[in-house]
């Protein structure tokens, strides 16, 4: 990520973009959080940073994300969520890492195809 030409260091820009993307905050909320951390930055700058650096961050994350191997298993269980019984399906790789999951109220025959797509 090239932050050349910006008035703020790379770590400040990344922190502001992280807050915006990770949590459901407005740009003004992020501005306030940054101010509490001792950084005075306008919400319009944060918006420009998010628009500029989000595609770059996404491409870096995709490069670093490990591929799922050819072997994975589907785990199914029945759990209670807020007082309602639901089916929890998890796709798990050889190492036991969760690849994907699906939470649904009803059990259908097509759950495996939904997860694998």
N, C-alpha and C. Protein backbone atom coordinates (compact mmCIF):
# COMPACT_ATOMS: atom_id res chain seq x y z
N UNK A 1 0.85 -1.17 0.00
CA UNK A 1 0.00 0.00 0.00
C UNK A 1 0.90 1.24 0.00
N UNK A 2 0.74 2.04 -1.00
CA UNK A 2 1.56 3.23 -1.14
C UNK A 2 0.80 4.45 -0.61
N UNK A 3 1.28 5.01 0.49
CA UNK A 3 0.64 6.19 1.07
C UNK A 3 1.45 7.44 0.78
N UNK A 4 2.30 7.39 -0.22
CA UNK A 4 3.13 8.53 -0.57
C UNK A 4 2.22 9.69 -1.02
N UNK A 5 2.52 10.87 -0.53
CA UNK A 5 1.72 12.04 -0.88
C UNK A 5 0.61 12.32 0.12
N UNK A 6 0.49 11.50 1.15
CA UNK A 6 -0.51 11.73 2.18
C UNK A 6 0.15 12.38 3.40
N UNK A 7 -0.63 13.16 4.12
CA UNK A 7 -0.10 13.89 5.28
C UNK A 7 0.04 13.01 6.51
N UNK A 8 -0.58 11.85 6.50
CA UNK A 8 -0.59 10.97 7.67
C UNK A 8 0.23 9.72 7.39
N UNK A 9 0.83 9.15 8.44
CA UNK A 9 1.58 7.91 8.24
C UNK A 9 0.66 6.75 7.86
N UNK A 10 1.26 5.74 7.30
CA UNK A 10 0.54 4.55 6.85
C UNK A 10 -0.25 3.90 7.98
N UNK A 11 0.32 3.86 9.19
CA UNK A 11 -0.36 3.21 10.32
C UNK A 11 -1.65 3.94 10.70
N UNK A 12 -1.67 5.25 10.61
CA UNK A 12 -2.87 6.04 10.93
C UNK A 12 -3.95 5.78 9.88
N UNK A 13 -3.57 5.79 8.63
CA UNK A 13 -4.53 5.55 7.54
C UNK A 13 -5.12 4.16 7.66
N UNK A 14 -4.27 3.17 7.88
CA UNK A 14 -4.77 1.79 8.02
C UNK A 14 -5.70 1.64 9.21
N UNK A 15 -5.39 2.30 10.31
CA UNK A 15 -6.23 2.21 11.51
C UNK A 15 -7.62 2.78 11.23
N UNK A 16 -7.68 3.93 10.57
CA UNK A 16 -8.96 4.57 10.26
C UNK A 16 -9.78 3.71 9.28
N UNK A 17 -9.12 3.18 8.26
CA UNK A 17 -9.81 2.33 7.29
C UNK A 17 -10.29 1.05 7.97
N UNK A 18 -9.48 0.49 8.85
CA UNK A 18 -9.86 -0.71 9.60
C UNK A 18 -11.12 -0.46 10.43
N UNK A 19 -11.16 0.64 11.17
CA UNK A 19 -12.34 0.95 11.98
C UNK A 19 -13.59 1.04 11.12
N UNK A 20 -13.48 1.68 9.97
CA UNK A 20 -14.64 1.85 9.10
C UNK A 20 -15.12 0.53 8.53
N UNK A 21 -14.18 -0.31 8.10
CA UNK A 21 -14.56 -1.56 7.45
C UNK A 21 -14.95 -2.65 8.43
N UNK A 22 -14.32 -2.69 9.58
CA UNK A 22 -14.55 -3.76 10.54
C UNK A 22 -15.83 -3.58 11.34
N UNK A 23 -16.13 -2.34 11.72
CA UNK A 23 -17.28 -2.05 12.56
C UNK A 23 -18.29 -1.21 11.77
N UNK A 24 -19.54 -1.26 12.14
CA UNK A 24 -20.55 -0.48 11.44
C UNK A 24 -20.57 0.93 12.02
N UNK A 25 -19.59 1.71 11.62
CA UNK A 25 -19.43 3.08 12.11
C UNK A 25 -19.59 4.06 10.96
N UNK A 26 -20.05 5.24 11.28
CA UNK A 26 -20.08 6.31 10.27
C UNK A 26 -18.68 6.91 10.19
N UNK A 27 -18.47 7.70 9.15
CA UNK A 27 -17.18 8.36 9.01
C UNK A 27 -16.94 9.34 10.15
N UNK A 28 -18.00 9.97 10.61
CA UNK A 28 -17.87 10.90 11.74
C UNK A 28 -17.54 10.15 13.04
N UNK A 29 -18.08 8.93 13.19
CA UNK A 29 -17.73 8.11 14.36
C UNK A 29 -16.25 7.76 14.34
N UNK A 30 -15.75 7.38 13.16
CA UNK A 30 -14.32 7.06 13.02
C UNK A 30 -13.48 8.29 13.32
N UNK A 31 -13.93 9.45 12.83
CA UNK A 31 -13.23 10.71 13.12
C UNK A 31 -13.14 10.93 14.62
N UNK A 32 -14.23 10.68 15.34
CA UNK A 32 -14.25 10.87 16.79
C UNK A 32 -13.32 9.89 17.50
N UNK A 33 -13.32 8.63 17.06
CA UNK A 33 -12.43 7.63 17.66
C UNK A 33 -10.97 8.01 17.44
N UNK A 34 -10.66 8.46 16.24
CA UNK A 34 -9.29 8.87 15.95
C UNK A 34 -8.89 10.07 16.80
N UNK A 35 -9.83 10.99 17.01
CA UNK A 35 -9.56 12.17 17.85
C UNK A 35 -9.27 11.73 19.29
N UNK A 36 -10.01 10.72 19.78
CA UNK A 36 -9.77 10.21 21.14
C UNK A 36 -8.39 9.58 21.24
N UNK A 37 -7.86 9.11 20.12
CA UNK A 37 -6.53 8.51 20.09
C UNK A 37 -5.44 9.54 19.81
N UNK A 38 -5.84 10.81 19.74
CA UNK A 38 -4.85 11.87 19.56
C UNK A 38 -4.56 12.25 18.13
N UNK A 39 -5.39 11.78 17.18
CA UNK A 39 -5.17 12.08 15.77
C UNK A 39 -6.35 12.90 15.27
N UNK A 40 -6.08 14.11 14.83
CA UNK A 40 -7.12 14.98 14.30
C UNK A 40 -7.19 14.82 12.79
N UNK A 41 -8.25 14.17 12.33
CA UNK A 41 -8.42 13.92 10.90
C UNK A 41 -9.90 14.14 10.56
N UNK A 42 -10.16 14.73 9.41
CA UNK A 42 -11.52 15.03 8.99
C UNK A 42 -12.19 13.78 8.43
N UNK A 43 -13.51 13.70 8.62
CA UNK A 43 -14.25 12.53 8.15
C UNK A 43 -14.20 12.40 6.62
N UNK A 44 -14.08 13.52 5.92
CA UNK A 44 -13.98 13.47 4.45
C UNK A 44 -12.67 12.79 4.02
N UNK A 45 -11.59 13.04 4.76
CA UNK A 45 -10.32 12.35 4.47
C UNK A 45 -10.47 10.85 4.68
N UNK A 46 -11.14 10.48 5.76
CA UNK A 46 -11.32 9.05 6.04
C UNK A 46 -12.11 8.40 4.92
N UNK A 47 -13.14 9.08 4.44
CA UNK A 47 -13.94 8.54 3.33
C UNK A 47 -13.07 8.34 2.09
N UNK A 48 -12.23 9.31 1.77
CA UNK A 48 -11.34 9.18 0.60
C UNK A 48 -10.36 8.01 0.78
N UNK A 49 -9.85 7.86 2.01
CA UNK A 49 -8.94 6.74 2.28
C UNK A 49 -9.64 5.40 2.08
N UNK A 50 -10.87 5.32 2.57
CA UNK A 50 -11.62 4.06 2.44
C UNK A 50 -11.84 3.73 0.97
N UNK A 51 -12.26 4.71 0.18
CA UNK A 51 -12.47 4.48 -1.25
C UNK A 51 -11.19 4.12 -1.98
N UNK A 52 -10.09 4.74 -1.58
CA UNK A 52 -8.82 4.52 -2.28
C UNK A 52 -8.15 3.21 -1.89
N UNK A 53 -8.15 2.91 -0.58
CA UNK A 53 -7.34 1.78 -0.11
C UNK A 53 -8.09 0.47 0.08
N UNK A 54 -9.42 0.48 0.09
CA UNK A 54 -10.17 -0.77 0.26
C UNK A 54 -9.87 -1.78 -0.85
N UNK A 55 -9.89 -1.40 -2.14
CA UNK A 55 -9.55 -2.40 -3.17
C UNK A 55 -8.14 -2.97 -3.02
N UNK A 56 -7.20 -2.13 -2.59
CA UNK A 56 -5.83 -2.61 -2.40
C UNK A 56 -5.75 -3.60 -1.24
N UNK A 57 -6.46 -3.29 -0.16
CA UNK A 57 -6.47 -4.20 0.99
C UNK A 57 -7.13 -5.52 0.64
N UNK A 58 -8.24 -5.46 -0.12
CA UNK A 58 -8.93 -6.69 -0.53
C UNK A 58 -8.03 -7.57 -1.38
N UNK A 59 -7.30 -6.98 -2.30
CA UNK A 59 -6.41 -7.78 -3.15
C UNK A 59 -5.29 -8.42 -2.34
N UNK A 60 -4.76 -7.70 -1.34
CA UNK A 60 -3.72 -8.27 -0.48
C UNK A 60 -4.26 -9.42 0.37
N UNK A 61 -5.47 -9.25 0.88
CA UNK A 61 -6.08 -10.30 1.71
C UNK A 61 -6.32 -11.54 0.87
N UNK A 62 -6.79 -11.36 -0.37
CA UNK A 62 -7.04 -12.51 -1.24
C UNK A 62 -5.75 -13.27 -1.54
N UNK A 63 -4.64 -12.54 -1.70
CA UNK A 63 -3.35 -13.19 -1.95
C UNK A 63 -2.91 -14.04 -0.77
N UNK A 64 -3.15 -13.53 0.43
CA UNK A 64 -2.68 -14.21 1.65
C UNK A 64 -3.61 -15.30 2.14
N UNK A 65 -4.86 -15.27 1.70
CA UNK A 65 -5.82 -16.26 2.15
C UNK A 65 -5.46 -17.63 1.58
N UNK A 66 -5.39 -18.59 2.46
CA UNK A 66 -5.04 -19.94 2.02
C UNK A 66 -6.16 -20.60 1.25
N UNK A 67 -5.77 -21.39 0.28
CA UNK A 67 -6.76 -22.12 -0.51
C UNK A 67 -7.26 -23.32 0.28
N UNK A 68 -8.49 -23.67 0.05
CA UNK A 68 -9.07 -24.85 0.68
C UNK A 68 -8.62 -26.05 -0.13
N UNK A 69 -8.15 -27.06 0.56
CA UNK A 69 -7.69 -28.26 -0.11
C UNK A 69 -8.83 -29.04 -0.75
N UNK A 70 -8.50 -30.11 -1.41
CA UNK A 70 -9.50 -30.92 -2.08
C UNK A 70 -10.35 -31.69 -1.08
N UNK A 71 -9.86 -31.86 0.13
CA UNK A 71 -10.57 -32.66 1.12
C UNK A 71 -11.13 -31.77 2.23
N UNK A 72 -12.45 -31.81 2.38
CA UNK A 72 -13.11 -31.13 3.49
C UNK A 72 -14.35 -31.91 3.85
N UNK A 73 -14.84 -31.71 5.05
CA UNK A 73 -15.99 -32.46 5.53
C UNK A 73 -17.07 -31.50 6.01
N UNK A 74 -18.30 -31.97 5.94
CA UNK A 74 -19.43 -31.17 6.38
C UNK A 74 -19.89 -31.67 7.73
N UNK A 75 -19.97 -30.77 8.67
CA UNK A 75 -20.40 -31.08 10.03
C UNK A 75 -21.77 -30.45 10.25
N UNK A 76 -22.70 -31.22 10.77
CA UNK A 76 -24.06 -30.72 11.00
C UNK A 76 -24.42 -30.90 12.47
N UNK A 77 -25.02 -29.88 13.05
CA UNK A 77 -25.47 -29.98 14.43
C UNK A 77 -26.73 -29.15 14.60
N UNK A 78 -27.44 -29.38 15.68
CA UNK A 78 -28.69 -28.70 15.97
C UNK A 78 -28.46 -27.88 17.23
N UNK A 79 -28.58 -26.55 17.13
CA UNK A 79 -28.31 -25.68 18.27
C UNK A 79 -29.46 -24.72 18.50
N UNK A 80 -29.50 -24.16 19.70
CA UNK A 80 -30.52 -23.18 20.05
C UNK A 80 -29.91 -21.78 19.97
N UNK A 81 -30.54 -20.89 19.18
CA UNK A 81 -30.08 -19.52 19.02
C UNK A 81 -31.23 -18.60 19.41
N UNK A 82 -31.04 -17.84 20.48
CA UNK A 82 -32.08 -16.93 20.99
C UNK A 82 -33.41 -17.66 21.18
N UNK A 83 -33.32 -18.88 21.71
CA UNK A 83 -34.52 -19.65 22.02
C UNK A 83 -35.12 -20.39 20.85
N UNK A 84 -34.50 -20.34 19.68
CA UNK A 84 -35.02 -21.02 18.49
C UNK A 84 -34.02 -22.07 18.06
N UNK A 85 -34.52 -23.30 17.85
CA UNK A 85 -33.64 -24.38 17.40
C UNK A 85 -33.32 -24.20 15.93
N UNK A 86 -32.03 -24.30 15.60
CA UNK A 86 -31.55 -24.11 14.22
C UNK A 86 -30.52 -25.18 13.88
N UNK A 87 -30.35 -25.41 12.58
CA UNK A 87 -29.30 -26.31 12.09
C UNK A 87 -28.05 -25.48 11.78
N UNK A 88 -26.92 -25.95 12.27
CA UNK A 88 -25.64 -25.31 11.97
C UNK A 88 -24.81 -26.28 11.14
N UNK A 89 -24.50 -25.87 9.91
CA UNK A 89 -23.65 -26.65 9.02
C UNK A 89 -22.29 -25.97 8.95
N UNK A 90 -21.22 -26.76 9.09
CA UNK A 90 -19.86 -26.22 9.00
C UNK A 90 -19.06 -27.07 8.02
N UNK A 91 -18.37 -26.40 7.11
CA UNK A 91 -17.41 -27.08 6.25
C UNK A 91 -16.06 -26.97 6.94
N UNK A 92 -15.42 -28.13 7.21
CA UNK A 92 -14.19 -28.18 7.97
C UNK A 92 -13.11 -28.86 7.13
N UNK A 93 -11.90 -28.26 7.09
CA UNK A 93 -10.81 -28.87 6.33
C UNK A 93 -10.09 -29.93 7.17
N UNK A 94 -9.02 -30.51 6.61
CA UNK A 94 -8.28 -31.58 7.29
C UNK A 94 -7.71 -31.17 8.64
N UNK A 95 -7.35 -29.89 8.78
CA UNK A 95 -6.75 -29.41 10.02
C UNK A 95 -7.79 -29.00 11.06
N UNK A 96 -9.07 -29.08 10.71
CA UNK A 96 -10.12 -28.71 11.64
C UNK A 96 -10.51 -27.25 11.58
N UNK A 97 -9.98 -26.52 10.59
CA UNK A 97 -10.33 -25.11 10.43
C UNK A 97 -11.67 -24.98 9.72
N UNK A 98 -12.50 -24.06 10.17
CA UNK A 98 -13.79 -23.84 9.54
C UNK A 98 -13.58 -23.09 8.23
N UNK A 99 -14.05 -23.68 7.15
CA UNK A 99 -13.94 -23.08 5.82
C UNK A 99 -15.14 -22.16 5.57
N UNK A 100 -16.33 -22.65 5.92
CA UNK A 100 -17.55 -21.89 5.74
C UNK A 100 -18.60 -22.45 6.67
N UNK A 101 -19.66 -21.70 6.90
CA UNK A 101 -20.74 -22.20 7.74
C UNK A 101 -22.07 -21.66 7.25
N UNK A 102 -23.14 -22.31 7.68
CA UNK A 102 -24.49 -21.90 7.32
C UNK A 102 -25.39 -22.21 8.50
N UNK A 103 -26.18 -21.23 8.90
CA UNK A 103 -27.15 -21.39 9.98
C UNK A 103 -28.52 -21.24 9.38
N UNK A 104 -29.38 -22.25 9.58
CA UNK A 104 -30.71 -22.21 8.99
C UNK A 104 -31.73 -22.83 9.94
N UNK A 105 -32.96 -22.39 9.82
CA UNK A 105 -34.02 -22.92 10.69
C UNK A 105 -34.47 -24.30 10.25
N UNK A 106 -34.55 -24.52 8.95
CA UNK A 106 -35.08 -25.78 8.44
C UNK A 106 -33.97 -26.60 7.81
N UNK A 107 -34.10 -27.88 7.91
CA UNK A 107 -33.14 -28.80 7.29
C UNK A 107 -33.66 -29.17 5.92
N UNK A 108 -32.83 -28.96 4.89
CA UNK A 108 -33.21 -29.34 3.54
C UNK A 108 -32.13 -30.22 2.95
N UNK A 109 -32.43 -30.83 1.83
CA UNK A 109 -31.49 -31.73 1.17
C UNK A 109 -30.39 -30.98 0.44
N UNK A 110 -30.58 -29.69 0.17
CA UNK A 110 -29.64 -28.93 -0.65
C UNK A 110 -28.60 -28.19 0.15
N UNK A 111 -28.46 -28.43 1.44
CA UNK A 111 -27.53 -27.68 2.25
C UNK A 111 -26.08 -27.86 1.81
N UNK A 112 -25.71 -29.07 1.40
CA UNK A 112 -24.33 -29.31 0.98
C UNK A 112 -23.98 -28.48 -0.25
N UNK A 113 -24.89 -28.36 -1.19
CA UNK A 113 -24.60 -27.59 -2.39
C UNK A 113 -24.52 -26.11 -2.10
N UNK A 114 -25.26 -25.63 -1.11
CA UNK A 114 -25.21 -24.21 -0.75
C UNK A 114 -23.84 -23.86 -0.19
N UNK A 115 -23.29 -24.71 0.66
CA UNK A 115 -22.00 -24.43 1.29
C UNK A 115 -20.86 -24.54 0.29
N UNK A 116 -20.90 -25.52 -0.58
CA UNK A 116 -19.75 -25.74 -1.46
C UNK A 116 -19.68 -24.72 -2.58
N UNK A 117 -20.71 -23.96 -2.84
CA UNK A 117 -20.68 -22.96 -3.92
C UNK A 117 -20.10 -21.67 -3.49
